[in-house]
Amino acid sequence: MKKILFGLLLLGSTLFAEVTDRPASIEFVNSGKMKIIDIRTEGEWVQMGVIKNSILLTFFDEQGRVDIDLFLEKLNKIIEKDEEFAIICNTGSRTKLVSNFLGKKLDYKVVNLMGGMMKLLKEGFKPEFYAGENTNIKK
């Protein structure tokens, strides 16, 4: 039931959201202009690598479940409420939903990196190896 309710909330938030959509690009991720939060799962980080200096903070777990309170608690330790930040996932589908939810419902300043890691890799981006719990990046 929680999954259905959250799905409806995300769907409703996409109808009126004012979120910046920006194609994921090597230039942007290498620029260091803003924090990039990678909302993919740990399995995706292992499989595809991560963006250097990105912040790893899973939104949906491996089974597609969400703990919104825990995610927001961790997010609020990483960014200030009025700070603009970008989010990335594998293809951009999850970030579209999450960025609209965060931006419209919770008033965060979110940049949705469209195309995600797949787009970056197709452009020739060389990700960092994800070393699991031993990294200095918070999950």
N, C-alpha and C. Protein backbone atom coordinates (compact mmCIF):
# COMPACT_ATOMS: atom_id res chain seq x y z
N MET A 1 0.81 -1.19 0.00
CA MET A 1 0.00 0.00 0.00
C MET A 1 0.86 1.26 0.00
N LYS A 2 1.97 1.25 0.79
CA LYS A 2 2.87 2.39 0.84
C LYS A 2 3.45 2.67 -0.55
N LYS A 3 3.81 1.60 -1.27
CA LYS A 3 4.38 1.75 -2.61
C LYS A 3 3.39 2.44 -3.55
N ILE A 4 2.14 2.02 -3.49
CA ILE A 4 1.11 2.60 -4.35
C ILE A 4 0.90 4.06 -4.01
N LEU A 5 0.78 4.37 -2.73
CA LEU A 5 0.58 5.75 -2.29
C LEU A 5 1.75 6.62 -2.71
N PHE A 6 2.97 6.13 -2.51
CA PHE A 6 4.14 6.90 -2.90
C PHE A 6 4.18 7.08 -4.42
N GLY A 7 3.83 6.05 -5.17
CA GLY A 7 3.78 6.15 -6.63
C GLY A 7 2.81 7.22 -7.09
N LEU A 8 1.65 7.28 -6.47
CA LEU A 8 0.68 8.31 -6.81
C LEU A 8 1.19 9.71 -6.44
N LEU A 9 1.87 9.80 -5.32
CA LEU A 9 2.44 11.08 -4.90
C LEU A 9 3.49 11.54 -5.91
N LEU A 10 4.36 10.63 -6.34
CA LEU A 10 5.37 10.99 -7.33
C LEU A 10 4.74 11.37 -8.66
N LEU A 11 3.75 10.60 -9.08
CA LEU A 11 3.08 10.90 -10.34
C LEU A 11 2.42 12.26 -10.29
N GLY A 12 1.72 12.54 -9.22
CA GLY A 12 1.07 13.83 -9.06
C GLY A 12 2.06 14.97 -9.02
N SER A 13 3.22 14.74 -8.45
CA SER A 13 4.21 15.80 -8.35
C SER A 13 4.82 16.13 -9.70
N THR A 14 4.81 15.19 -10.65
CA THR A 14 5.41 15.46 -11.95
C THR A 14 4.53 16.35 -12.81
N LEU A 15 3.26 16.49 -12.46
CA LEU A 15 2.36 17.28 -13.28
C LEU A 15 2.63 18.78 -13.20
N PHE A 16 3.11 19.27 -12.08
CA PHE A 16 3.29 20.70 -11.90
C PHE A 16 4.69 21.10 -11.44
N ALA A 17 5.60 20.18 -11.43
CA ALA A 17 6.92 20.45 -10.88
C ALA A 17 7.69 21.48 -11.70
N GLU A 18 8.44 22.30 -11.00
CA GLU A 18 9.34 23.25 -11.63
C GLU A 18 10.75 22.85 -11.25
N VAL A 19 11.31 21.94 -12.00
CA VAL A 19 12.63 21.40 -11.74
C VAL A 19 13.47 21.64 -12.98
N THR A 20 14.74 21.91 -12.79
CA THR A 20 15.62 22.11 -13.94
C THR A 20 16.01 20.76 -14.51
N ASP A 21 15.70 20.55 -15.77
CA ASP A 21 16.12 19.35 -16.49
C ASP A 21 17.34 19.72 -17.32
N ARG A 22 18.39 18.94 -17.19
CA ARG A 22 19.63 19.22 -17.90
C ARG A 22 20.21 17.90 -18.38
N PRO A 23 20.60 17.81 -19.64
CA PRO A 23 21.21 16.56 -20.10
C PRO A 23 22.49 16.27 -19.31
N ALA A 24 22.65 15.04 -18.90
CA ALA A 24 23.90 14.64 -18.25
C ALA A 24 25.01 14.78 -19.28
N SER A 25 26.10 15.42 -18.88
CA SER A 25 27.23 15.58 -19.79
C SER A 25 28.53 15.48 -19.01
N ILE A 26 29.57 15.10 -19.72
CA ILE A 26 30.88 14.99 -19.10
C ILE A 26 31.32 16.35 -18.58
N GLU A 27 31.07 17.39 -19.36
CA GLU A 27 31.46 18.74 -18.95
C GLU A 27 30.80 19.13 -17.64
N PHE A 28 29.52 18.84 -17.51
CA PHE A 28 28.82 19.22 -16.28
C PHE A 28 29.35 18.45 -15.07
N VAL A 29 29.47 17.14 -15.19
CA VAL A 29 29.89 16.37 -14.02
C VAL A 29 31.34 16.66 -13.64
N ASN A 30 32.16 17.05 -14.60
CA ASN A 30 33.55 17.38 -14.29
C ASN A 30 33.73 18.82 -13.83
N SER A 31 32.71 19.64 -14.00
CA SER A 31 32.83 21.07 -13.68
C SER A 31 32.92 21.36 -12.18
N GLY A 32 32.30 20.50 -11.37
CA GLY A 32 32.30 20.74 -9.93
C GLY A 32 31.43 21.91 -9.52
N LYS A 33 30.53 22.35 -10.40
CA LYS A 33 29.68 23.52 -10.11
C LYS A 33 28.69 23.29 -8.98
N MET A 34 28.27 22.05 -8.83
CA MET A 34 27.33 21.75 -7.76
C MET A 34 27.47 20.30 -7.34
N LYS A 35 26.93 20.00 -6.18
CA LYS A 35 26.96 18.62 -5.69
C LYS A 35 26.09 17.75 -6.59
N ILE A 36 26.58 16.55 -6.85
CA ILE A 36 25.81 15.56 -7.62
C ILE A 36 25.52 14.40 -6.69
N ILE A 37 24.24 14.08 -6.55
CA ILE A 37 23.82 12.97 -5.71
C ILE A 37 23.38 11.83 -6.61
N ASP A 38 24.03 10.69 -6.44
CA ASP A 38 23.77 9.50 -7.23
C ASP A 38 22.78 8.64 -6.46
N ILE A 39 21.54 8.54 -6.98
CA ILE A 39 20.48 7.83 -6.27
C ILE A 39 20.33 6.37 -6.70
N ARG A 40 21.28 5.88 -7.48
CA ARG A 40 21.22 4.49 -7.92
C ARG A 40 21.44 3.54 -6.75
N THR A 41 21.29 2.26 -7.01
CA THR A 41 21.52 1.24 -5.99
C THR A 41 23.01 0.91 -5.92
N GLU A 42 23.41 0.29 -4.83
CA GLU A 42 24.81 -0.09 -4.67
C GLU A 42 25.24 -1.05 -5.79
N GLY A 43 24.35 -1.94 -6.19
CA GLY A 43 24.67 -2.85 -7.28
C GLY A 43 25.01 -2.11 -8.57
N GLU A 44 24.31 -1.01 -8.83
CA GLU A 44 24.59 -0.20 -10.03
C GLU A 44 25.92 0.54 -9.88
N TRP A 45 26.23 0.98 -8.67
CA TRP A 45 27.52 1.65 -8.44
C TRP A 45 28.66 0.68 -8.72
N VAL A 46 28.50 -0.56 -8.24
CA VAL A 46 29.52 -1.59 -8.45
C VAL A 46 29.65 -1.90 -9.93
N GLN A 47 28.54 -2.10 -10.60
CA GLN A 47 28.52 -2.51 -12.00
C GLN A 47 29.06 -1.42 -12.94
N MET A 48 28.66 -0.17 -12.73
CA MET A 48 28.96 0.89 -13.68
C MET A 48 30.00 1.89 -13.21
N GLY A 49 30.30 1.89 -11.93
CA GLY A 49 31.20 2.90 -11.39
C GLY A 49 30.42 4.13 -10.98
N VAL A 50 31.14 5.12 -10.45
CA VAL A 50 30.51 6.33 -9.93
C VAL A 50 31.25 7.57 -10.42
N ILE A 51 30.60 8.69 -10.30
CA ILE A 51 31.20 9.97 -10.65
C ILE A 51 32.09 10.40 -9.50
N LYS A 52 33.32 10.78 -9.81
CA LYS A 52 34.25 11.24 -8.77
C LYS A 52 33.62 12.41 -8.01
N ASN A 53 33.71 12.35 -6.70
CA ASN A 53 33.19 13.38 -5.79
C ASN A 53 31.66 13.45 -5.73
N SER A 54 30.98 12.49 -6.35
CA SER A 54 29.52 12.47 -6.21
C SER A 54 29.17 11.91 -4.83
N ILE A 55 27.95 12.15 -4.43
CA ILE A 55 27.46 11.67 -3.15
C ILE A 55 26.50 10.52 -3.42
N LEU A 56 26.79 9.37 -2.86
CA LEU A 56 26.00 8.17 -3.12
C LEU A 56 24.91 8.06 -2.07
N LEU A 57 23.68 8.18 -2.52
CA LEU A 57 22.54 8.15 -1.61
C LEU A 57 21.37 7.48 -2.32
N THR A 58 21.24 6.19 -2.12
CA THR A 58 20.21 5.40 -2.77
C THR A 58 18.82 5.91 -2.39
N PHE A 59 17.94 6.01 -3.37
CA PHE A 59 16.54 6.38 -3.12
C PHE A 59 15.69 5.12 -3.07
N PHE A 60 15.67 4.36 -4.16
CA PHE A 60 14.96 3.08 -4.20
C PHE A 60 15.96 1.99 -3.90
N ASP A 61 15.61 1.03 -3.04
CA ASP A 61 16.53 -0.07 -2.78
C ASP A 61 16.43 -1.10 -3.90
N GLU A 62 17.16 -2.19 -3.77
CA GLU A 62 17.21 -3.23 -4.81
C GLU A 62 15.84 -3.83 -5.12
N GLN A 63 14.91 -3.77 -4.16
CA GLN A 63 13.56 -4.30 -4.35
C GLN A 63 12.57 -3.19 -4.74
N GLY A 64 13.04 -1.98 -4.97
CA GLY A 64 12.17 -0.88 -5.36
C GLY A 64 11.48 -0.19 -4.21
N ARG A 65 11.88 -0.51 -2.98
CA ARG A 65 11.27 0.12 -1.81
C ARG A 65 11.94 1.46 -1.52
N VAL A 66 11.19 2.31 -0.81
CA VAL A 66 11.67 3.65 -0.47
C VAL A 66 11.45 3.90 1.02
N ASP A 67 12.45 4.48 1.65
CA ASP A 67 12.32 4.98 3.01
C ASP A 67 12.54 6.49 2.91
N ILE A 68 11.46 7.21 2.67
CA ILE A 68 11.55 8.65 2.43
C ILE A 68 12.16 9.38 3.61
N ASP A 69 11.74 9.04 4.82
CA ASP A 69 12.27 9.73 6.00
C ASP A 69 13.78 9.56 6.11
N LEU A 70 14.27 8.36 5.91
CA LEU A 70 15.70 8.11 6.00
C LEU A 70 16.44 8.84 4.88
N PHE A 71 15.90 8.80 3.66
CA PHE A 71 16.53 9.49 2.54
C PHE A 71 16.63 10.98 2.84
N LEU A 72 15.54 11.60 3.29
CA LEU A 72 15.55 13.03 3.57
C LEU A 72 16.47 13.38 4.73
N GLU A 73 16.53 12.52 5.73
CA GLU A 73 17.45 12.75 6.85
C GLU A 73 18.89 12.81 6.36
N LYS A 74 19.26 11.87 5.50
CA LYS A 74 20.61 11.85 4.96
C LYS A 74 20.84 13.01 3.99
N LEU A 75 19.85 13.31 3.16
CA LEU A 75 19.97 14.42 2.21
C LEU A 75 20.20 15.73 2.93
N ASN A 76 19.47 15.95 4.01
CA ASN A 76 19.58 17.21 4.75
C ASN A 76 20.91 17.36 5.48
N LYS A 77 21.65 16.28 5.62
CA LYS A 77 23.00 16.36 6.18
C LYS A 77 24.02 16.72 5.10
N ILE A 78 23.61 16.56 3.85
CA ILE A 78 24.51 16.76 2.72
C ILE A 78 24.36 18.14 2.09
N ILE A 79 23.12 18.61 2.02
CA ILE A 79 22.86 19.89 1.35
C ILE A 79 22.06 20.81 2.27
N GLU A 80 22.14 22.09 1.97
CA GLU A 80 21.30 23.09 2.63
C GLU A 80 19.98 23.15 1.86
N LYS A 81 18.91 23.49 2.52
CA LYS A 81 17.59 23.51 1.90
C LYS A 81 17.54 24.40 0.66
N ASP A 82 18.26 25.53 0.66
CA ASP A 82 18.21 26.44 -0.49
C ASP A 82 19.36 26.24 -1.46
N GLU A 83 20.15 25.18 -1.28
CA GLU A 83 21.29 24.88 -2.14
C GLU A 83 20.84 24.10 -3.38
N GLU A 84 21.28 24.53 -4.54
CA GLU A 84 20.96 23.80 -5.76
C GLU A 84 21.90 22.59 -5.87
N PHE A 85 21.33 21.45 -6.23
CA PHE A 85 22.11 20.22 -6.39
C PHE A 85 21.52 19.41 -7.52
N ALA A 86 22.34 18.51 -8.06
CA ALA A 86 21.90 17.65 -9.16
C ALA A 86 21.74 16.22 -8.67
N ILE A 87 20.83 15.49 -9.32
CA ILE A 87 20.71 14.05 -9.03
C ILE A 87 20.83 13.27 -10.33
N ILE A 88 21.40 12.07 -10.18
CA ILE A 88 21.60 11.22 -11.34
C ILE A 88 21.23 9.78 -10.99
N CYS A 89 20.74 9.06 -11.98
CA CYS A 89 20.50 7.62 -11.82
C CYS A 89 21.07 6.93 -13.06
N ASN A 90 20.58 5.77 -13.37
CA ASN A 90 21.10 4.99 -14.49
C ASN A 90 20.71 5.60 -15.85
N THR A 91 19.42 5.87 -16.05
CA THR A 91 18.94 6.38 -17.34
C THR A 91 18.20 7.71 -17.25
N GLY A 92 17.91 8.16 -16.06
CA GLY A 92 17.18 9.42 -15.89
C GLY A 92 15.72 9.24 -15.52
N SER A 93 15.21 8.01 -15.55
CA SER A 93 13.79 7.81 -15.23
C SER A 93 13.50 8.00 -13.74
N ARG A 94 14.35 7.47 -12.90
CA ARG A 94 14.15 7.65 -11.46
C ARG A 94 14.39 9.10 -11.04
N THR A 95 15.41 9.72 -11.63
CA THR A 95 15.69 11.11 -11.23
C THR A 95 14.57 12.05 -11.65
N LYS A 96 13.89 11.74 -12.72
CA LYS A 96 12.76 12.58 -13.13
C LYS A 96 11.69 12.56 -12.03
N LEU A 97 11.34 11.37 -11.56
CA LEU A 97 10.34 11.25 -10.50
C LEU A 97 10.82 11.89 -9.20
N VAL A 98 12.04 11.56 -8.81
CA VAL A 98 12.57 12.03 -7.52
C VAL A 98 12.79 13.54 -7.54
N SER A 99 13.33 14.07 -8.62
CA SER A 99 13.57 15.52 -8.69
C SER A 99 12.26 16.29 -8.64
N ASN A 100 11.24 15.80 -9.30
CA ASN A 100 9.94 16.47 -9.25
C ASN A 100 9.34 16.40 -7.85
N PHE A 101 9.49 15.27 -7.20
CA PHE A 101 9.00 15.13 -5.82
C PHE A 101 9.73 16.09 -4.89
N LEU A 102 11.06 16.10 -4.96
CA LEU A 102 11.85 16.96 -4.08
C LEU A 102 11.63 18.44 -4.40
N GLY A 103 11.58 18.76 -5.67
CA GLY A 103 11.46 20.16 -6.08
C GLY A 103 10.09 20.75 -5.84
N LYS A 104 9.06 20.06 -6.24
CA LYS A 104 7.71 20.61 -6.15
C LYS A 104 7.09 20.42 -4.77
N LYS A 105 7.19 19.23 -4.24
CA LYS A 105 6.54 18.93 -2.96
C LYS A 105 7.32 19.44 -1.76
N LEU A 106 8.65 19.45 -1.88
CA LEU A 106 9.47 19.78 -0.72
C LEU A 106 10.34 21.03 -0.92
N ASP A 107 10.21 21.68 -2.06
CA ASP A 107 10.89 22.95 -2.36
C ASP A 107 12.41 22.90 -2.36
N TYR A 108 12.99 21.78 -2.73
CA TYR A 108 14.43 21.72 -2.94
C TYR A 108 14.74 22.28 -4.32
N LYS A 109 15.96 22.74 -4.53
CA LYS A 109 16.42 23.23 -5.83
C LYS A 109 17.18 22.10 -6.51
N VAL A 110 16.49 21.38 -7.38
CA VAL A 110 17.02 20.13 -7.94
C VAL A 110 17.25 20.26 -9.44
N VAL A 111 18.37 19.73 -9.88
CA VAL A 111 18.68 19.61 -11.30
C VAL A 111 18.63 18.12 -11.64
N ASN A 112 17.75 17.76 -12.55
CA ASN A 112 17.60 16.39 -13.01
C ASN A 112 18.57 16.16 -14.17
N LEU A 113 19.54 15.27 -13.99
CA LEU A 113 20.49 14.98 -15.05
C LEU A 113 19.92 13.91 -15.98
N MET A 114 19.31 14.38 -17.06
CA MET A 114 18.61 13.51 -18.01
C MET A 114 19.58 12.59 -18.74
N GLY A 115 19.18 11.35 -18.88
CA GLY A 115 19.99 10.35 -19.57
C GLY A 115 20.87 9.57 -18.64
N GLY A 116 21.16 10.14 -17.48
CA GLY A 116 21.88 9.45 -16.43
C GLY A 116 23.26 8.94 -16.81
N MET A 117 23.70 7.94 -16.06
CA MET A 117 25.02 7.35 -16.26
C MET A 117 25.15 6.70 -17.64
N MET A 118 24.07 6.14 -18.15
CA MET A 118 24.13 5.51 -19.48
C MET A 118 24.54 6.54 -20.53
N LYS A 119 23.99 7.74 -20.47
CA LYS A 119 24.34 8.80 -21.42
C LYS A 119 25.80 9.17 -21.26
N LEU A 120 26.24 9.33 -20.02
CA LEU A 120 27.64 9.69 -19.77
C LEU A 120 28.59 8.63 -20.33
N LEU A 121 28.28 7.37 -20.07
CA LEU A 121 29.14 6.29 -20.54
C LEU A 121 29.18 6.24 -22.07
N LYS A 122 28.05 6.49 -22.71
CA LYS A 122 28.01 6.52 -24.18
C LYS A 122 28.87 7.65 -24.73
N GLU A 123 28.98 8.73 -23.97
CA GLU A 123 29.80 9.88 -24.39
C GLU A 123 31.29 9.65 -24.12
N GLY A 124 31.63 8.53 -23.47
CA GLY A 124 33.02 8.22 -23.20
C GLY A 124 33.48 8.56 -21.79
N PHE A 125 32.55 8.87 -20.90
CA PHE A 125 32.89 9.19 -19.51
C PHE A 125 33.56 7.99 -18.85
N LYS A 126 34.61 8.27 -18.10
CA LYS A 126 35.34 7.23 -17.37
C LYS A 126 35.00 7.36 -15.89
N PRO A 127 34.13 6.48 -15.37
CA PRO A 127 33.74 6.58 -13.95
C PRO A 127 34.83 6.06 -13.02
N GLU A 128 34.69 6.42 -11.77
CA GLU A 128 35.56 5.92 -10.71
C GLU A 128 35.07 4.53 -10.31
N PHE A 129 35.98 3.69 -9.89
CA PHE A 129 35.63 2.38 -9.37
C PHE A 129 34.96 2.57 -8.01
N TYR A 130 33.85 1.87 -7.78
CA TYR A 130 33.18 1.91 -6.48
C TYR A 130 33.72 0.78 -5.62
N ALA A 131 34.30 1.15 -4.49
CA ALA A 131 34.95 0.18 -3.62
C ALA A 131 34.10 -0.24 -2.44
N GLY A 132 32.82 0.00 -2.48
CA GLY A 132 31.95 -0.41 -1.40
C GLY A 132 32.11 0.41 -0.15
N GLU A 133 31.91 -0.22 0.97
CA GLU A 133 31.93 0.46 2.26
C GLU A 133 33.23 1.18 2.55
N ASN A 134 34.30 0.85 1.85
CA ASN A 134 35.59 1.46 2.12
C ASN A 134 35.77 2.84 1.51
N THR A 135 34.79 3.30 0.76
CA THR A 135 34.91 4.62 0.15
C THR A 135 34.64 5.70 1.17
N ASN A 136 35.06 6.91 0.83
CA ASN A 136 34.80 8.04 1.72
C ASN A 136 33.47 8.72 1.38
N ILE A 137 32.72 8.11 0.50
CA ILE A 137 31.45 8.66 0.06
C ILE A 137 30.34 8.04 0.91
N LYS A 138 29.45 8.88 1.43
CA LYS A 138 28.37 8.39 2.27
C LYS A 138 27.25 7.82 1.42
N LYS A 139 26.70 6.70 1.90
CA LYS A 139 25.55 6.12 1.20
C LYS A 139 24.29 6.55 1.89
